[in-house]
C-alpha atoms as a PDB file:
ATOM      1  CA  UNK A   1      43.055  49.685 -29.644  1.00  0.00           C
ATOM      2  CA  UNK A   2      43.572  47.301 -26.700  1.00  0.00           C
ATOM      3  CA  UNK A   3      46.376  46.706 -24.196  1.00  0.00           C
ATOM      4  CA  UNK A   4      47.119  44.223 -21.513  1.00  0.00           C
ATOM      5  CA  UNK A   5      46.698  45.718 -18.041  1.00  0.00           C
ATOM      6  CA  UNK A   6      47.460  43.851 -14.777  1.00  0.00           C
ATOM      7  CA  UNK A   7      46.953  40.634 -16.360  1.00  0.00           C
ATOM      8  CA  UNK A   8      43.581  41.429 -17.940  1.00  0.00           C
ATOM      9  CA  UNK A   9      42.365  42.989 -21.231  1.00  0.00           C
ATOM     10  CA  UNK A  10      41.345  46.555 -21.485  1.00  0.00           C
ATOM     11  CA  UNK A  11      40.400  48.976 -24.239  1.00  0.00           C
ATOM     12  CA  UNK A  12      40.586  52.662 -24.061  1.00  0.00           C
ATOM     13  CA  UNK A  13      36.920  53.494 -24.538  1.00  0.00           C
ATOM     14  CA  UNK A  14      35.447  51.051 -22.043  1.00  0.00           C
ATOM     15  CA  UNK A  15      37.899  48.935 -19.897  1.00  0.00           C
ATOM     16  CA  UNK A  16      37.252  45.247 -20.143  1.00  0.00           C
ATOM     17  CA  UNK A  17      38.369  42.821 -17.375  1.00  0.00           C
ATOM     18  CA  UNK A  18      38.955  39.128 -17.902  1.00  0.00           C
ATOM     19  CA  UNK A  19      37.214  37.203 -15.053  1.00  0.00           C
ATOM     20  CA  UNK A  20      36.480  33.473 -14.932  1.00  0.00           C
ATOM     21  CA  UNK A  21      37.062  33.180 -18.584  1.00  0.00           C
ATOM     22  CA  UNK A  22      34.657  35.831 -19.674  1.00  0.00           C
ATOM     23  CA  UNK A  23      34.871  39.493 -20.448  1.00  0.00           C
ATOM     24  CA  UNK A  24      33.162  41.960 -18.096  1.00  0.00           C
ATOM     25  CA  UNK A  25      33.015  45.632 -18.905  1.00  0.00           C
ATOM     26  CA  UNK A  26      33.886  48.213 -16.298  1.00  0.00           C
ATOM     27  CA  UNK A  27      30.197  49.361 -16.252  1.00  0.00           C
ATOM     28  CA  UNK A  28      29.076  45.875 -15.551  1.00  0.00           C
ATOM     29  CA  UNK A  29      31.637  45.342 -12.826  1.00  0.00           C
ATOM     30  CA  UNK A  30      30.315  48.419 -11.142  1.00  0.00           C
ATOM     31  CA  UNK A  31      26.879  47.064 -11.303  1.00  0.00           C
ATOM     32  CA  UNK A  32      27.970  43.703  -9.841  1.00  0.00           C
ATOM     33  CA  UNK A  33      29.622  45.519  -6.954  1.00  0.00           C
ATOM     34  CA  UNK A  34      26.455  47.743  -6.613  1.00  0.00           C
ATOM     35  CA  UNK A  35      24.328  44.609  -6.422  1.00  0.00           C
ATOM     36  CA  UNK A  36      26.582  43.216  -3.666  1.00  0.00           C
ATOM     37  CA  UNK A  37      26.147  46.515  -1.737  1.00  0.00           C
ATOM     38  CA  UNK A  38      22.499  46.567  -2.104  1.00  0.00           C
ATOM     39  CA  UNK A  39      21.977  42.893  -1.075  1.00  0.00           C
ATOM     40  CA  UNK A  40      24.103  43.440   2.100  1.00  0.00           C
ATOM     41  CA  UNK A  41      22.545  46.618   3.168  1.00  0.00           C
ATOM     42  CA  UNK A  42      18.850  46.062   2.165  1.00  0.00           C
ATOM     43  CA  UNK A  43      18.017  46.839  -1.447  1.00  0.00           C
ATOM     44  CA  UNK A  44      14.426  47.809  -0.987  1.00  0.00           C
ATOM     45  CA  UNK A  45      15.220  50.137   1.895  1.00  0.00           C
ATOM     46  CA  UNK A  46      17.913  52.019  -0.136  1.00  0.00           C
ATOM     47  CA  UNK A  47      15.550  52.151  -3.145  1.00  0.00           C
ATOM     48  CA  UNK A  48      12.764  53.526  -1.021  1.00  0.00           C
ATOM     49  CA  UNK A  49      10.205  50.823  -1.800  1.00  0.00           C
ATOM     50  CA  UNK A  50       9.799  49.582   1.717  1.00  0.00           C
ATOM     51  CA  UNK A  51       8.189  52.676   3.306  1.00  0.00           C
ATOM     52  CA  UNK A  52       4.413  53.066   3.188  1.00  0.00           C
ATOM     53  CA  UNK A  53       4.655  55.658   0.535  1.00  0.00           C
ATOM     54  CA  UNK A  54       7.197  53.656  -1.301  1.00  0.00           C
ATOM     55  CA  UNK A  55       4.834  50.595  -1.410  1.00  0.00           C
ATOM     56  CA  UNK A  56       2.141  52.731  -2.818  1.00  0.00           C
ATOM     57  CA  UNK A  57       4.505  54.136  -5.420  1.00  0.00           C
ATOM     58  CA  UNK A  58       5.644  50.621  -6.440  1.00  0.00           C
ATOM     59  CA  UNK A  59       2.116  49.360  -6.888  1.00  0.00           C
ATOM     60  CA  UNK A  60       1.148  52.359  -9.075  1.00  0.00           C
ATOM     61  CA  UNK A  61       4.404  52.109 -11.027  1.00  0.00           C
ATOM     62  CA  UNK A  62       3.943  48.463 -11.813  1.00  0.00           C
ATOM     63  CA  UNK A  63       0.308  49.080 -12.888  1.00  0.00           C
ATOM     64  CA  UNK A  64       1.387  51.886 -15.187  1.00  0.00           C
ATOM     65  CA  UNK A  65       4.164  49.802 -16.808  1.00  0.00           C
ATOM     66  CA  UNK A  66       1.724  46.865 -17.403  1.00  0.00           C
ATOM     67  CA  UNK A  67      -0.881  49.318 -18.686  1.00  0.00           C
ATOM     68  CA  UNK A  68       1.204  49.768 -21.826  1.00  0.00           C
ATOM     69  CA  UNK A  69       1.535  46.104 -22.632  1.00  0.00           C
ATOM     70  CA  UNK A  70      -0.555  43.617 -24.673  1.00  0.00           C
ATOM     71  CA  UNK A  71      -3.006  41.627 -22.554  1.00  0.00           C
ATOM     72  CA  UNK A  72      -3.354  37.786 -22.523  1.00  0.00           C
ATOM     73  CA  UNK A  73      -2.236  34.895 -20.442  1.00  0.00           C
ATOM     74  CA  UNK A  74       0.029  33.329 -23.086  1.00  0.00           C
ATOM     75  CA  UNK A  75       2.231  36.471 -23.432  1.00  0.00           C
ATOM     76  CA  UNK A  76       5.938  36.322 -22.604  1.00  0.00           C
ATOM     77  CA  UNK A  77       7.805  39.181 -20.856  1.00  0.00           C
ATOM     78  CA  UNK A  78      11.439  39.837 -20.383  1.00  0.00           C
ATOM     79  CA  UNK A  79      12.129  41.870 -17.160  1.00  0.00           C
ATOM     80  CA  UNK A  80      15.520  43.540 -17.189  1.00  0.00           C
ATOM     81  CA  UNK A  81      17.108  44.377 -13.821  1.00  0.00           C
ATOM     82  CA  UNK A  82      14.787  42.412 -11.703  1.00  0.00           C
ATOM     83  CA  UNK A  83      16.786  42.970  -8.498  1.00  0.00           C
ATOM     84  CA  UNK A  84      15.265  41.318  -5.458  1.00  0.00           C
ATOM     85  CA  UNK A  85      12.013  40.427  -7.548  1.00  0.00           C
ATOM     86  CA  UNK A  86       9.727  42.969  -5.819  1.00  0.00           C
ATOM     87  CA  UNK A  87       8.496  44.296  -9.196  1.00  0.00           C
ATOM     88  CA  UNK A  88       8.708  40.886 -10.777  1.00  0.00           C
ATOM     89  CA  UNK A  89       6.088  39.794  -8.249  1.00  0.00           C
ATOM     90  CA  UNK A  90       3.824  42.762  -9.139  1.00  0.00           C
ATOM     91  CA  UNK A  91       4.390  42.103 -12.893  1.00  0.00           C
ATOM     92  CA  UNK A  92       3.502  38.393 -12.517  1.00  0.00           C
ATOM     93  CA  UNK A  93       0.041  39.244 -11.520  1.00  0.00           C
ATOM     94  CA  UNK A  94      -0.581  40.015 -15.174  1.00  0.00           C
ATOM     95  CA  UNK A  95      -0.724  36.204 -15.770  1.00  0.00           C
ATOM     96  CA  UNK A  96       2.253  36.425 -18.304  1.00  0.00           C
ATOM     97  CA  UNK A  97       5.334  34.241 -18.330  1.00  0.00           C
ATOM     98  CA  UNK A  98       8.259  36.262 -17.101  1.00  0.00           C
ATOM     99  CA  UNK A  99      11.997  35.847 -17.614  1.00  0.00           C
ATOM    100  CA  UNK A 100      13.594  38.132 -15.044  1.00  0.00           C
ATOM    101  CA  UNK A 101      17.262  38.899 -15.542  1.00  0.00           C
ATOM    102  CA  UNK A 102      19.837  40.628 -13.348  1.00  0.00           C
ATOM    103  CA  UNK A 103      23.653  40.962 -13.571  1.00  0.00           C
ATOM    104  CA  UNK A 104      23.965  40.529  -9.758  1.00  0.00           C
ATOM    105  CA  UNK A 105      24.202  37.029  -8.334  1.00  0.00           C
ATOM    106  CA  UNK A 106      23.578  38.546  -4.877  1.00  0.00           C
ATOM    107  CA  UNK A 107      20.247  40.105  -5.928  1.00  0.00           C
ATOM    108  CA  UNK A 108      19.021  37.191  -8.069  1.00  0.00           C
ATOM    109  CA  UNK A 109      19.724  34.784  -5.088  1.00  0.00           C
ATOM    110  CA  UNK A 110      17.154  36.878  -3.137  1.00  0.00           C
ATOM    111  CA  UNK A 111      14.812  37.108  -6.105  1.00  0.00           C
ATOM    112  CA  UNK A 112      14.644  33.313  -6.457  1.00  0.00           C
ATOM    113  CA  UNK A 113      13.752  32.985  -2.856  1.00  0.00           C
ATOM    114  CA  UNK A 114      11.056  35.732  -3.127  1.00  0.00           C
ATOM    115  CA  UNK A 115       9.595  34.152  -6.237  1.00  0.00           C
ATOM    116  CA  UNK A 116      10.077  30.527  -5.556  1.00  0.00           C
ATOM    117  CA  UNK A 117       6.225  29.908  -5.337  1.00  0.00           C
ATOM    118  CA  UNK A 118       5.606  31.417  -8.831  1.00  0.00           C
ATOM    119  CA  UNK A 119       5.997  28.808 -11.619  1.00  0.00           C
ATOM    120  CA  UNK A 120       5.651  31.476 -14.280  1.00  0.00           C
ATOM    121  CA  UNK A 121       8.752  33.313 -13.411  1.00  0.00           C
ATOM    122  CA  UNK A 122      12.317  32.196 -14.413  1.00  0.00           C
ATOM    123  CA  UNK A 123      15.074  34.255 -12.741  1.00  0.00           C
ATOM    124  CA  UNK A 124      18.389  34.359 -14.673  1.00  0.00           C
ATOM    125  CA  UNK A 125      21.736  35.719 -13.586  1.00  0.00           C
ATOM    126  CA  UNK A 126      23.272  37.465 -16.573  1.00  0.00           C
ATOM    127  CA  UNK A 127      24.305  40.642 -18.004  1.00  0.00           C
ATOM    128  CA  UNK A 128      21.657  42.161 -20.312  1.00  0.00           C
ATOM    129  CA  UNK A 129      24.128  42.161 -23.103  1.00  0.00           C
ATOM    130  CA  UNK A 130      24.763  38.430 -22.933  1.00  0.00           C
ATOM    131  CA  UNK A 131      21.209  37.430 -23.429  1.00  0.00           C
ATOM    132  CA  UNK A 132      20.677  35.008 -26.344  1.00  0.00           C
ATOM    133  CA  UNK A 133      19.615  37.053 -29.496  1.00  0.00           C
ATOM    134  CA  UNK A 134      17.332  34.244 -30.828  1.00  0.00           C
ATOM    135  CA  UNK A 135      14.775  34.240 -28.059  1.00  0.00           C
ATOM    136  CA  UNK A 136      12.072  36.769 -28.698  1.00  0.00           C
ATOM    137  CA  UNK A 137       9.532  38.289 -26.155  1.00  0.00           C
ATOM    138  CA  UNK A 138       6.005  39.952 -26.503  1.00  0.00           C
ATOM    139  CA  UNK A 139       7.366  42.725 -24.126  1.00  0.00           C
ATOM    140  CA  UNK A 140      10.522  43.902 -22.519  1.00  0.00           C
ATOM    141  CA  UNK A 141       9.896  45.692 -19.129  1.00  0.00           C
ATOM    142  CA  UNK A 142      11.555  47.111 -16.077  1.00  0.00           C
ATOM    143  CA  UNK A 143      11.630  49.556 -13.369  1.00  0.00           C
ATOM    144  CA  UNK A 144      14.484  51.984 -12.871  1.00  0.00           C
ATOM    145  CA  UNK A 145      17.045  49.904 -14.962  1.00  0.00           C
ATOM    146  CA  UNK A 146      17.658  51.654 -18.372  1.00  0.00           C
ATOM    147  CA  UNK A 147      19.507  54.422 -16.564  1.00  0.00           C
ATOM    148  CA  UNK A 148      22.032  51.833 -15.527  1.00  0.00           C
ATOM    149  CA  UNK A 149      22.712  50.743 -19.197  1.00  0.00           C
ATOM    150  CA  UNK A 150      24.597  52.183 -22.109  1.00  0.00           C
ATOM    151  CA  UNK A 151      21.265  53.408 -23.378  1.00  0.00           C
ATOM    152  CA  UNK A 152      21.592  53.526 -27.143  1.00  0.00           C
ATOM    153  CA  UNK A 153      23.045  50.079 -27.665  1.00  0.00           C
ATOM    154  CA  UNK A 154      20.599  48.671 -24.970  1.00  0.00           C
ATOM    155  CA  UNK A 155      17.532  50.036 -26.862  1.00  0.00           C
ATOM    156  CA  UNK A 156      18.854  48.471 -30.077  1.00  0.00           C
ATOM    157  CA  UNK A 157      19.172  45.157 -28.394  1.00  0.00           C
ATOM    158  CA  UNK A 158      15.759  45.468 -26.691  1.00  0.00           C
ATOM    159  CA  UNK A 159      14.434  46.044 -30.289  1.00  0.00           C
ATOM    160  CA  UNK A 160      15.949  42.863 -31.441  1.00  0.00           C
ATOM    161  CA  UNK A 161      14.628  40.869 -28.543  1.00  0.00           C
ATOM    162  CA  UNK A 162      10.986  41.918 -29.229  1.00  0.00           C
ATOM    163  CA  UNK A 163       8.664  39.948 -31.422  1.00  0.00           C
ATOM    164  CA  UNK A 164       6.918  41.794 -34.187  1.00  0.00           C
ATOM    165  CA  UNK A 165       4.500  44.333 -32.670  1.00  0.00           C
ATOM    166  CA  UNK A 166       6.263  43.716 -29.316  1.00  0.00           C
ATOM    167  CA  UNK A 167       6.259  46.458 -26.665  1.00  0.00           C
ATOM    168  CA  UNK A 168       8.876  48.123 -24.569  1.00  0.00           C
ATOM    169  CA  UNK A 169       7.610  49.602 -21.151  1.00  0.00           C
ATOM    170  CA  UNK A 170       9.776  51.016 -18.430  1.00  0.00           C
ATOM    171  CA  UNK A 171       9.649  53.555 -15.586  1.00  0.00           C
ATOM    172  CA  UNK A 172      12.847  55.621 -15.218  1.00  0.00           C
ATOM    173  CA  UNK A 173      14.056  58.684 -13.257  1.00  0.00           C
ATOM    174  CA  UNK A 174      13.401  62.072 -14.793  1.00  0.00           C
ATOM    175  CA  UNK A 175      16.489  64.279 -15.119  1.00  0.00           C
ATOM    176  CA  UNK A 176      14.235  67.395 -14.975  1.00  0.00           C
ATOM    177  CA  UNK A 177      13.200  66.663 -11.430  1.00  0.00           C
ATOM    178  CA  UNK A 178      15.427  68.852  -9.071  1.00  0.00           C
ATOM    179  CA  UNK A 179      16.263  66.101  -6.646  1.00  0.00           C
ATOM    180  CA  UNK A 180      17.087  63.610  -9.368  1.00  0.00           C
ATOM    181  CA  UNK A 181      19.150  66.251 -11.170  1.00  0.00           C
ATOM    182  CA  UNK A 182      21.304  66.771  -8.125  1.00  0.00           C
ATOM    183  CA  UNK A 183      21.513  63.182  -7.124  1.00  0.00           C
ATOM    184  CA  UNK A 184      22.693  62.006 -10.541  1.00  0.00           C
ATOM    185  CA  UNK A 185      25.221  64.698 -11.198  1.00  0.00           C
ATOM    186  CA  UNK A 186      27.060  65.441  -7.938  1.00  0.00           C
ATOM    187  CA  UNK A 187      29.339  62.431  -7.338  1.00  0.00           C
ATOM    188  CA  UNK A 188      29.421  62.633  -3.529  1.00  0.00           C
ATOM    189  CA  UNK A 189      25.700  62.913  -3.139  1.00  0.00           C
ATOM    190  CA  UNK A 190      25.289  60.153  -5.788  1.00  0.00           C
ATOM    191  CA  UNK A 191      27.467  57.821  -3.662  1.00  0.00           C
ATOM    192  CA  UNK A 192      25.731  58.792  -0.435  1.00  0.00           C
ATOM    193  CA  UNK A 193      22.273  57.934  -1.947  1.00  0.00           C
ATOM    194  CA  UNK A 194      23.594  54.534  -2.897  1.00  0.00           C
ATOM    195  CA  UNK A 195      23.701  54.961  -6.633  1.00  0.00           C
ATOM    196  CA  UNK A 196      26.135  53.075  -8.870  1.00  0.00           C
ATOM    197  CA  UNK A 197      28.848  55.122 -10.594  1.00  0.00           C
ATOM    198  CA  UNK A 198      27.552  54.988 -14.082  1.00  0.00           C
ATOM    199  CA  UNK A 199      23.852  55.424 -13.574  1.00  0.00           C
ATOM    200  CA  UNK A 200      22.093  58.560 -14.744  1.00  0.00           C
ATOM    201  CA  UNK A 201      18.643  59.799 -15.609  1.00  0.00           C
ATOM    202  CA  UNK A 202      16.754  60.939 -18.729  1.00  0.00           C
ATOM    203  CA  UNK A 203      15.031  63.897 -20.146  1.00  0.00           C
ATOM    204  CA  UNK A 204      11.817  63.009 -21.861  1.00  0.00           C
ATOM    205  CA  UNK A 205      12.772  64.484 -25.294  1.00  0.00           C
ATOM    206  CA  UNK A 206      16.103  62.806 -25.092  1.00  0.00           C
ATOM    207  CA  UNK A 207      14.477  59.425 -24.524  1.00  0.00           C
ATOM    208  CA  UNK A 208      12.037  59.893 -27.358  1.00  0.00           C
ATOM    209  CA  UNK A 209      14.904  60.564 -29.581  1.00  0.00           C
ATOM    210  CA  UNK A 210      16.849  57.465 -28.511  1.00  0.00           C
ATOM    211  CA  UNK A 211      13.842  55.258 -29.132  1.00  0.00           C
ATOM    212  CA  UNK A 212      13.145  56.756 -32.610  1.00  0.00           C
ATOM    213  CA  UNK A 213      16.894  56.079 -33.538  1.00  0.00           C
ATOM    214  CA  UNK A 214      16.514  52.516 -32.324  1.00  0.00           C
ATOM    215  CA  UNK A 215      13.609  51.943 -34.748  1.00  0.00           C
ATOM    216  CA  UNK A 216      10.612  52.128 -32.296  1.00  0.00           C
ATOM    217  CA  UNK A 217       7.237  53.647 -33.116  1.00  0.00           C
ATOM    218  CA  UNK A 218       4.208  54.582 -30.983  1.00  0.00           C
ATOM    219  CA  UNK A 219       6.557  56.225 -28.603  1.00  0.00           C
ATOM    220  CA  UNK A 220       5.228  57.606 -25.355  1.00  0.00           C
ATOM    221  CA  UNK A 221       7.344  59.203 -22.680  1.00  0.00           C
ATOM    222  CA  UNK A 222       5.064  60.613 -19.915  1.00  0.00           C
ATOM    223  CA  UNK A 223       6.266  62.303 -16.654  1.00  0.00           C
ATOM    224  CA  UNK A 224       4.613  61.005 -13.593  1.00  0.00           C
ATOM    225  CA  UNK A 225       5.070  60.473  -9.767  1.00  0.00           C
ATOM    226  CA  UNK A 226       5.066  63.174  -7.226  1.00  0.00           C
ATOM    227  CA  UNK A 227       4.877  60.834  -4.161  1.00  0.00           C
ATOM    228  CA  UNK A 228       8.257  60.732  -2.288  1.00  0.00           C
ATOM    229  CA  UNK A 229       8.999  57.638  -0.370  1.00  0.00           C
ATOM    230  CA  UNK A 230       9.523  59.731   2.849  1.00  0.00           C
ATOM    231  CA  UNK A 231       5.886  61.029   2.844  1.00  0.00           C
ATOM    232  CA  UNK A 232       4.232  60.137   6.121  1.00  0.00           C
ATOM    233  CA  UNK A 233       1.405  57.679   6.018  1.00  0.00           C
ATOM    234  CA  UNK A 234      -1.153  60.157   6.965  1.00  0.00           C
ATOM    235  CA  UNK A 235      -0.305  62.406   3.992  1.00  0.00           C
ATOM    236  CA  UNK A 236      -0.083  59.706   1.297  1.00  0.00           C
ATOM    237  CA  UNK A 237      -3.634  60.059  -0.042  1.00  0.00           C
ATOM    238  CA  UNK A 238      -3.550  63.809  -0.050  1.00  0.00           C
ATOM    239  CA  UNK A 239      -0.083  63.930  -1.744  1.00  0.00           C
ATOM    240  CA  UNK A 240      -1.107  61.286  -4.314  1.00  0.00           C
ATOM    241  CA  UNK A 241      -4.216  63.255  -5.260  1.00  0.00           C
ATOM    242  CA  UNK A 242      -2.188  66.515  -5.627  1.00  0.00           C
ATOM    243  CA  UNK A 243       0.293  64.673  -7.661  1.00  0.00           C
ATOM    244  CA  UNK A 244      -2.431  63.396 -10.147  1.00  0.00           C
ATOM    245  CA  UNK A 245      -3.313  67.193 -10.599  1.00  0.00           C
ATOM    246  CA  UNK A 246       0.274  68.148 -11.188  1.00  0.00           C
ATOM    247  CA  UNK A 247       0.710  65.374 -13.747  1.00  0.00           C
ATOM    248  CA  UNK A 248      -1.964  67.012 -15.986  1.00  0.00           C
ATOM    249  CA  UNK A 249      -0.733  70.688 -15.673  1.00  0.00           C
ATOM    250  CA  UNK A 250       1.441  71.791 -18.670  1.00  0.00           C
ATOM    251  CA  UNK A 251       5.028  72.602 -17.768  1.00  0.00           C
ATOM    252  CA  UNK A 252       4.506  71.619 -14.086  1.00  0.00           C
ATOM    253  CA  UNK A 253       4.268  67.946 -15.029  1.00  0.00           C
ATOM    254  CA  UNK A 254       7.595  67.973 -16.715  1.00  0.00           C
ATOM    255  CA  UNK A 255       9.305  68.137 -13.214  1.00  0.00           C
ATOM    256  CA  UNK A 256       7.816  64.902 -11.883  1.00  0.00           C
ATOM    257  CA  UNK A 257      10.064  62.298 -10.294  1.00  0.00           C
ATOM    258  CA  UNK A 258       9.862  59.614 -13.043  1.00  0.00           C
ATOM    259  CA  UNK A 259       9.133  58.976 -16.728  1.00  0.00           C
ATOM    260  CA  UNK A 260       6.831  56.293 -18.019  1.00  0.00           C
ATOM    261  CA  UNK A 261       8.397  55.151 -21.265  1.00  0.00           C
ATOM    262  CA  UNK A 262       6.775  52.892 -23.855  1.00  0.00           C
ATOM    263  CA  UNK A 263       7.270  52.135 -27.502  1.00  0.00           C
ATOM    264  CA  UNK A 264       6.394  49.484 -30.049  1.00  0.00           C
ATOM    265  CA  UNK A 265       8.314  47.441 -32.569  1.00  0.00           C
ATOM    266  CA  UNK A 266       6.640  47.469 -35.945  1.00  0.00           C
ATOM    267  CA  UNK A 267       5.457  44.196 -37.657  1.00  0.00           C
ATOM    268  CA  UNK A 268       8.009  42.542 -39.936  1.00  0.00           C
END
């Protein structure tokens, strides 16, 4: 059921606003506003990727995401939520052709500047939901973006965007991590930390179930990452080594900061 509200269109389940002739969901409007805030205040600093430890985390995260993908120069990847292009740059080192999409014009403007010298990357400003369904990719990838989306419809769309035997590979926040659980569930802390209103985090078993429901196989959801971006440079190597040990200890590993998520679409 829909009603007219303040000159726009809205529905009870998910408010829809009419802007520039196109419909924008309330969730997407939040993400556009969030992107504007990130661009104005320094996205990488808010995300924690600019610190010495943050840069080490980013490089390892990108390597792990790429490690789940098919190899080969002719591959085509779709990156969802490219932001300022920091991870796009790391992903492009695989030699693949990358279509990088983000809903925020403010962030994609920065990404285009950062990636202007890379001919294999095409940055597009669009909501994920509005991507054309007839263009298929060998892989759909991203860093810390699925938790911004309405996850079950998003996974269904990713499945549709993949070629036969295509792979999904993402790194996302782990809801079992104590800091993540507090940050994502207490509104005033969430706002103070620079999160958008609708973002969340995932339990590993929850994500596995979502992927299975969407039709994926070869599902792997692996907790990783014990290196906090505020770790001092002198302790990065030590904490990284300890973190690798924790990632292999049953029960303990479940509380790591992130989840490495991958799955495969079967052949037609």
